[in-house]
Amino acid sequence: LSSEEYKTLMKKRSTECETVFGQTKGNLGFRRFHLRGKEKVGTEWGLLMLGYDFRQLIRLMNT
């Protein structure tokens, strides 16, 4: 856990995927799934990420 390779990997991870989860929880207010079952949760997560992607696309188009 204290190797340089691990530190580099964790730094990369924090900028790539952790921000998505943080923004989903903080900005979109998503705290729990409303449906049950892997397939339904996958569908709900997919729709949530589709909305997230659209928001990012709109943000990029306006700059």
PDB file of N, CA and C in Angstrom:
ATOM      1  N   LEU A   1       0.801  -1.213   0.000  1.00  0.00           N
ATOM      2  CA  LEU A   1       0.000   0.000   0.000  1.00  0.00           C
ATOM      3  C   LEU A   1       0.839   1.270   0.000  1.00  0.00           C
ATOM      4  N   SER A   2       2.084   1.150   0.416  1.00  0.00           N
ATOM      5  CA  SER A   2       2.910   2.348   0.477  1.00  0.00           C
ATOM      6  C   SER A   2       3.852   2.480  -0.725  1.00  0.00           C
ATOM      7  N   SER A   3       3.685   1.629  -1.723  1.00  0.00           N
ATOM      8  CA  SER A   3       4.565   1.701  -2.889  1.00  0.00           C
ATOM      9  C   SER A   3       4.185   2.902  -3.767  1.00  0.00           C
ATOM     10  N   GLU A   4       5.113   3.329  -4.559  1.00  0.00           N
ATOM     11  CA  GLU A   4       4.882   4.469  -5.458  1.00  0.00           C
ATOM     12  C   GLU A   4       3.846   4.134  -6.526  1.00  0.00           C
ATOM     13  N   GLU A   5       3.856   2.887  -6.990  1.00  0.00           N
ATOM     14  CA  GLU A   5       2.881   2.466  -8.009  1.00  0.00           C
ATOM     15  C   GLU A   5       1.460   2.581  -7.467  1.00  0.00           C
ATOM     16  N   TYR A   6       1.253   2.165  -6.219  1.00  0.00           N
ATOM     17  CA  TYR A   6      -0.069   2.255  -5.597  1.00  0.00           C
ATOM     18  C   TYR A   6      -0.498   3.706  -5.433  1.00  0.00           C
ATOM     19  N   LYS A   7       0.419   4.549  -4.987  1.00  0.00           N
ATOM     20  CA  LYS A   7       0.094   5.961  -4.804  1.00  0.00           C
ATOM     21  C   LYS A   7      -0.289   6.618  -6.122  1.00  0.00           C
ATOM     22  N   THR A   8       0.425   6.272  -7.186  1.00  0.00           N
ATOM     23  CA  THR A   8       0.117   6.808  -8.512  1.00  0.00           C
ATOM     24  C   THR A   8      -1.256   6.337  -8.981  1.00  0.00           C
ATOM     25  N   LEU A   9      -1.541   5.061  -8.764  1.00  0.00           N
ATOM     26  CA  LEU A   9      -2.837   4.497  -9.161  1.00  0.00           C
ATOM     27  C   LEU A   9      -3.985   5.162  -8.406  1.00  0.00           C
ATOM     28  N   MET A  10      -3.833   5.357  -7.119  1.00  0.00           N
ATOM     29  CA  MET A  10      -4.892   5.971  -6.319  1.00  0.00           C
ATOM     30  C   MET A  10      -5.089   7.443  -6.692  1.00  0.00           C
ATOM     31  N   LYS A  11      -4.018   8.135  -7.016  1.00  0.00           N
ATOM     32  CA  LYS A  11      -4.150   9.528  -7.439  1.00  0.00           C
ATOM     33  C   LYS A  11      -4.909   9.614  -8.755  1.00  0.00           C
ATOM     34  N   LYS A  12      -4.610   8.699  -9.673  1.00  0.00           N
ATOM     35  CA  LYS A  12      -5.308   8.672 -10.957  1.00  0.00           C
ATOM     36  C   LYS A  12      -6.776   8.333 -10.755  1.00  0.00           C
ATOM     37  N   ARG A  13      -7.055   7.379  -9.871  1.00  0.00           N
ATOM     38  CA  ARG A  13      -8.436   6.976  -9.615  1.00  0.00           C
ATOM     39  C   ARG A  13      -9.237   8.120  -9.021  1.00  0.00           C
ATOM     40  N   SER A  14      -8.641   8.873  -8.125  1.00  0.00           N
ATOM     41  CA  SER A  14      -9.384   9.946  -7.467  1.00  0.00           C
ATOM     42  C   SER A  14      -9.823  11.017  -8.456  1.00  0.00           C
ATOM     43  N   THR A  15      -9.066  11.216  -9.512  1.00  0.00           N
ATOM     44  CA  THR A  15      -9.455  12.228 -10.489  1.00  0.00           C
ATOM     45  C   THR A  15     -10.368  11.676 -11.575  1.00  0.00           C
ATOM     46  N   GLU A  16     -10.380  10.373 -11.779  1.00  0.00           N
ATOM     47  CA  GLU A  16     -11.179   9.796 -12.856  1.00  0.00           C
ATOM     48  C   GLU A  16     -12.578   9.408 -12.421  1.00  0.00           C
ATOM     49  N   CYS A  17     -12.704   8.563 -11.416  1.00  0.00           N
ATOM     50  CA  CYS A  17     -14.031   8.030 -11.120  1.00  0.00           C
ATOM     51  C   CYS A  17     -14.637   8.556  -9.827  1.00  0.00           C
ATOM     52  N   GLU A  18     -13.833   8.934  -8.856  1.00  0.00           N
ATOM     53  CA  GLU A  18     -14.395   9.377  -7.585  1.00  0.00           C
ATOM     54  C   GLU A  18     -15.182  10.667  -7.743  1.00  0.00           C
ATOM     55  N   THR A  19     -14.810  11.514  -8.679  1.00  0.00           N
ATOM     56  CA  THR A  19     -15.546  12.761  -8.869  1.00  0.00           C
ATOM     57  C   THR A  19     -16.963  12.495  -9.360  1.00  0.00           C
ATOM     58  N   VAL A  20     -17.145  11.467 -10.164  1.00  0.00           N
ATOM     59  CA  VAL A  20     -18.483  11.129 -10.666  1.00  0.00           C
ATOM     60  C   VAL A  20     -19.384  10.749  -9.506  1.00  0.00           C
ATOM     61  N   PHE A  21     -18.895   9.909  -8.602  1.00  0.00           N
ATOM     62  CA  PHE A  21     -19.704   9.497  -7.462  1.00  0.00           C
ATOM     63  C   PHE A  21     -19.978  10.673  -6.531  1.00  0.00           C
ATOM     64  N   GLY A  22     -18.995  11.515  -6.331  1.00  0.00           N
ATOM     65  CA  GLY A  22     -19.182  12.682  -5.473  1.00  0.00           C
ATOM     66  C   GLY A  22     -20.195  13.652  -6.038  1.00  0.00           C
ATOM     67  N   GLN A  23     -20.132  13.905  -7.324  1.00  0.00           N
ATOM     68  CA  GLN A  23     -21.093  14.809  -7.948  1.00  0.00           C
ATOM     69  C   GLN A  23     -22.484  14.193  -7.995  1.00  0.00           C
ATOM     70  N   THR A  24     -22.543  12.886  -8.187  1.00  0.00           N
ATOM     71  CA  THR A  24     -23.844  12.209  -8.204  1.00  0.00           C
ATOM     72  C   THR A  24     -24.517  12.331  -6.851  1.00  0.00           C
ATOM     73  N   LYS A  25     -23.750  12.151  -5.790  1.00  0.00           N
ATOM     74  CA  LYS A  25     -24.315  12.256  -4.451  1.00  0.00           C
ATOM     75  C   LYS A  25     -24.564  13.700  -4.046  1.00  0.00           C
ATOM     76  N   GLY A  26     -23.600  14.559  -4.298  1.00  0.00           N
ATOM     77  CA  GLY A  26     -23.712  15.934  -3.836  1.00  0.00           C
ATOM     78  C   GLY A  26     -24.606  16.809  -4.683  1.00  0.00           C
ATOM     79  N   ASN A  27     -24.357  16.854  -5.968  1.00  0.00           N
ATOM     80  CA  ASN A  27     -25.087  17.765  -6.853  1.00  0.00           C
ATOM     81  C   ASN A  27     -26.443  17.228  -7.284  1.00  0.00           C
ATOM     82  N   LEU A  28     -26.524  15.931  -7.538  1.00  0.00           N
ATOM     83  CA  LEU A  28     -27.792  15.357  -7.994  1.00  0.00           C
ATOM     84  C   LEU A  28     -28.642  14.838  -6.846  1.00  0.00           C
ATOM     85  N   GLY A  29     -28.055  14.727  -5.657  1.00  0.00           N
ATOM     86  CA  GLY A  29     -28.810  14.281  -4.493  1.00  0.00           C
ATOM     87  C   GLY A  29     -29.175  12.808  -4.513  1.00  0.00           C
ATOM     88  N   PHE A  30     -28.418  12.016  -5.262  1.00  0.00           N
ATOM     89  CA  PHE A  30     -28.722  10.591  -5.372  1.00  0.00           C
ATOM     90  C   PHE A  30     -28.040   9.840  -4.244  1.00  0.00           C
ATOM     91  N   ARG A  31     -28.808   9.281  -3.326  1.00  0.00           N
ATOM     92  CA  ARG A  31     -28.257   8.581  -2.173  1.00  0.00           C
ATOM     93  C   ARG A  31     -28.574   7.094  -2.170  1.00  0.00           C
ATOM     94  N   ARG A  32     -29.688   6.700  -2.767  1.00  0.00           N
ATOM     95  CA  ARG A  32     -30.030   5.271  -2.779  1.00  0.00           C
ATOM     96  C   ARG A  32     -30.875   4.930  -3.999  1.00  0.00           C
ATOM     97  N   PHE A  33     -30.841   3.662  -4.359  1.00  0.00           N
ATOM     98  CA  PHE A  33     -31.615   3.193  -5.499  1.00  0.00           C
ATOM     99  C   PHE A  33     -33.069   3.004  -5.089  1.00  0.00           C
ATOM    100  N   HIS A  34     -33.968   3.240  -6.020  1.00  0.00           N
ATOM    101  CA  HIS A  34     -35.390   3.107  -5.746  1.00  0.00           C
ATOM    102  C   HIS A  34     -35.930   1.750  -6.154  1.00  0.00           C
ATOM    103  N   LEU A  35     -35.173   1.020  -6.949  1.00  0.00           N
ATOM    104  CA  LEU A  35     -35.615  -0.280  -7.443  1.00  0.00           C
ATOM    105  C   LEU A  35     -34.768  -1.383  -6.830  1.00  0.00           C
ATOM    106  N   ARG A  36     -35.233  -2.622  -6.953  1.00  0.00           N
ATOM    107  CA  ARG A  36     -34.504  -3.771  -6.425  1.00  0.00           C
ATOM    108  C   ARG A  36     -34.141  -4.716  -7.548  1.00  0.00           C
ATOM    109  N   GLY A  37     -33.045  -5.418  -7.357  1.00  0.00           N
ATOM    110  CA  GLY A  37     -32.589  -6.378  -8.354  1.00  0.00           C
ATOM    111  C   GLY A  37     -31.462  -5.802  -9.195  1.00  0.00           C
ATOM    112  N   LYS A  38     -30.529  -6.683  -9.574  1.00  0.00           N
ATOM    113  CA  LYS A  38     -29.362  -6.215 -10.336  1.00  0.00           C
ATOM    114  C   LYS A  38     -29.741  -5.547 -11.640  1.00  0.00           C
ATOM    115  N   GLU A  39     -30.660  -6.138 -12.355  1.00  0.00           N
ATOM    116  CA  GLU A  39     -31.025  -5.593 -13.674  1.00  0.00           C
ATOM    117  C   GLU A  39     -31.686  -4.226 -13.532  1.00  0.00           C
ATOM    118  N   LYS A  40     -32.588  -4.094 -12.579  1.00  0.00           N
ATOM    119  CA  LYS A  40     -33.276  -2.818 -12.388  1.00  0.00           C
ATOM    120  C   LYS A  40     -32.332  -1.750 -11.860  1.00  0.00           C
ATOM    121  N   VAL A  41     -31.448  -2.132 -10.949  1.00  0.00           N
ATOM    122  CA  VAL A  41     -30.464  -1.179 -10.431  1.00  0.00           C
ATOM    123  C   VAL A  41     -29.518  -0.749 -11.552  1.00  0.00           C
ATOM    124  N   GLY A  42     -29.132  -1.698 -12.402  1.00  0.00           N
ATOM    125  CA  GLY A  42     -28.285  -1.365 -13.540  1.00  0.00           C
ATOM    126  C   GLY A  42     -28.964  -0.384 -14.483  1.00  0.00           C
ATOM    127  N   THR A  43     -30.254  -0.582 -14.689  1.00  0.00           N
ATOM    128  CA  THR A  43     -31.011   0.332 -15.547  1.00  0.00           C
ATOM    129  C   THR A  43     -31.108   1.714 -14.906  1.00  0.00           C
ATOM    130  N   GLU A  44     -31.388   1.735 -13.608  1.00  0.00           N
ATOM    131  CA  GLU A  44     -31.488   3.019 -12.910  1.00  0.00           C
ATOM    132  C   GLU A  44     -30.149   3.757 -12.925  1.00  0.00           C
ATOM    133  N   TRP A  45     -29.061   3.029 -12.689  1.00  0.00           N
ATOM    134  CA  TRP A  45     -27.737   3.647 -12.714  1.00  0.00           C
ATOM    135  C   TRP A  45     -27.400   4.147 -14.118  1.00  0.00           C
ATOM    136  N   GLY A  46     -27.765   3.356 -15.129  1.00  0.00           N
ATOM    137  CA  GLY A  46     -27.517   3.766 -16.510  1.00  0.00           C
ATOM    138  C   GLY A  46     -28.236   5.053 -16.861  1.00  0.00           C
ATOM    139  N   LEU A  47     -29.483   5.176 -16.442  1.00  0.00           N
ATOM    140  CA  LEU A  47     -30.235   6.404 -16.697  1.00  0.00           C
ATOM    141  C   LEU A  47     -29.638   7.586 -15.946  1.00  0.00           C
ATOM    142  N   LEU A  48     -29.202   7.338 -14.732  1.00  0.00           N
ATOM    143  CA  LEU A  48     -28.567   8.396 -13.952  1.00  0.00           C
ATOM    144  C   LEU A  48     -27.288   8.873 -14.625  1.00  0.00           C
ATOM    145  N   MET A  49     -26.489   7.946 -15.116  1.00  0.00           N
ATOM    146  CA  MET A  49     -25.235   8.306 -15.777  1.00  0.00           C
ATOM    147  C   MET A  49     -25.489   8.949 -17.135  1.00  0.00           C
ATOM    148  N   LEU A  50     -26.561   8.559 -17.787  1.00  0.00           N
ATOM    149  CA  LEU A  50     -26.930   9.218 -19.043  1.00  0.00           C
ATOM    150  C   LEU A  50     -27.244  10.693 -18.790  1.00  0.00           C
ATOM    151  N   GLY A  51     -27.991  10.970 -17.720  1.00  0.00           N
ATOM    152  CA  GLY A  51     -28.275  12.353 -17.337  1.00  0.00           C
ATOM    153  C   GLY A  51     -27.011  13.104 -16.965  1.00  0.00           C
ATOM    154  N   TYR A  52     -26.107  12.429 -16.253  1.00  0.00           N
ATOM    155  CA  TYR A  52     -24.833  13.042 -15.889  1.00  0.00           C
ATOM    156  C   TYR A  52     -24.029  13.399 -17.128  1.00  0.00           C
ATOM    157  N   ASP A  53     -23.994  12.480 -18.100  1.00  0.00           N
ATOM    158  CA  ASP A  53     -23.262  12.731 -19.346  1.00  0.00           C
ATOM    159  C   ASP A  53     -23.858  13.892 -20.134  1.00  0.00           C
ATOM    160  N   PHE A  54     -25.189  13.983 -20.157  1.00  0.00           N
ATOM    161  CA  PHE A  54     -25.830  15.100 -20.849  1.00  0.00           C
ATOM    162  C   PHE A  54     -25.476  16.427 -20.190  1.00  0.00           C
ATOM    163  N   ARG A  55     -25.451  16.429 -18.867  1.00  0.00           N
ATOM    164  CA  ARG A  55     -25.068  17.650 -18.157  1.00  0.00           C
ATOM    165  C   ARG A  55     -23.639  18.059 -18.512  1.00  0.00           C
ATOM    166  N   GLN A  56     -22.737  17.093 -18.584  1.00  0.00           N
ATOM    167  CA  GLN A  56     -21.360  17.393 -18.933  1.00  0.00           C
ATOM    168  C   GLN A  56     -21.263  17.890 -20.375  1.00  0.00           C
ATOM    169  N   LEU A  57     -22.028  17.287 -21.280  1.00  0.00           N
ATOM    170  CA  LEU A  57     -22.032  17.691 -22.674  1.00  0.00           C
ATOM    171  C   LEU A  57     -22.520  19.124 -22.830  1.00  0.00           C
ATOM    172  N   ILE A  58     -23.598  19.445 -22.127  1.00  0.00           N
ATOM    173  CA  ILE A  58     -24.146  20.808 -22.186  1.00  0.00           C
ATOM    174  C   ILE A  58     -23.122  21.792 -21.627  1.00  0.00           C
ATOM    175  N   ARG A  59     -22.474  21.416 -20.525  1.00  0.00           N
ATOM    176  CA  ARG A  59     -21.462  22.291 -19.916  1.00  0.00           C
ATOM    177  C   ARG A  59     -20.323  22.539 -20.906  1.00  0.00           C
ATOM    178  N   LEU A  60     -19.904  21.499 -21.618  1.00  0.00           N
ATOM    179  CA  LEU A  60     -18.813  21.659 -22.582  1.00  0.00           C
ATOM    180  C   LEU A  60     -19.237  22.476 -23.801  1.00  0.00           C
ATOM    181  N   MET A  61     -20.483  22.339 -24.201  1.00  0.00           N
ATOM    182  CA  MET A  61     -20.965  23.081 -25.373  1.00  0.00           C
ATOM    183  C   MET A  61     -21.103  24.576 -25.072  1.00  0.00           C
ATOM    184  N   ASN A  62     -21.351  24.918 -23.815  1.00  0.00           N
ATOM    185  CA  ASN A  62     -21.538  26.325 -23.443  1.00  0.00           C
ATOM    186  C   ASN A  62     -20.229  27.052 -23.195  1.00  0.00           C
ATOM    187  N   THR A  63     -19.115  26.332 -23.186  1.00  0.00           N
ATOM    188  CA  THR A  63     -17.848  27.017 -22.940  1.00  0.00           C
ATOM    189  C   THR A  63     -17.139  27.377 -24.211  1.00  0.00           C
TER     190      THR A  63
END
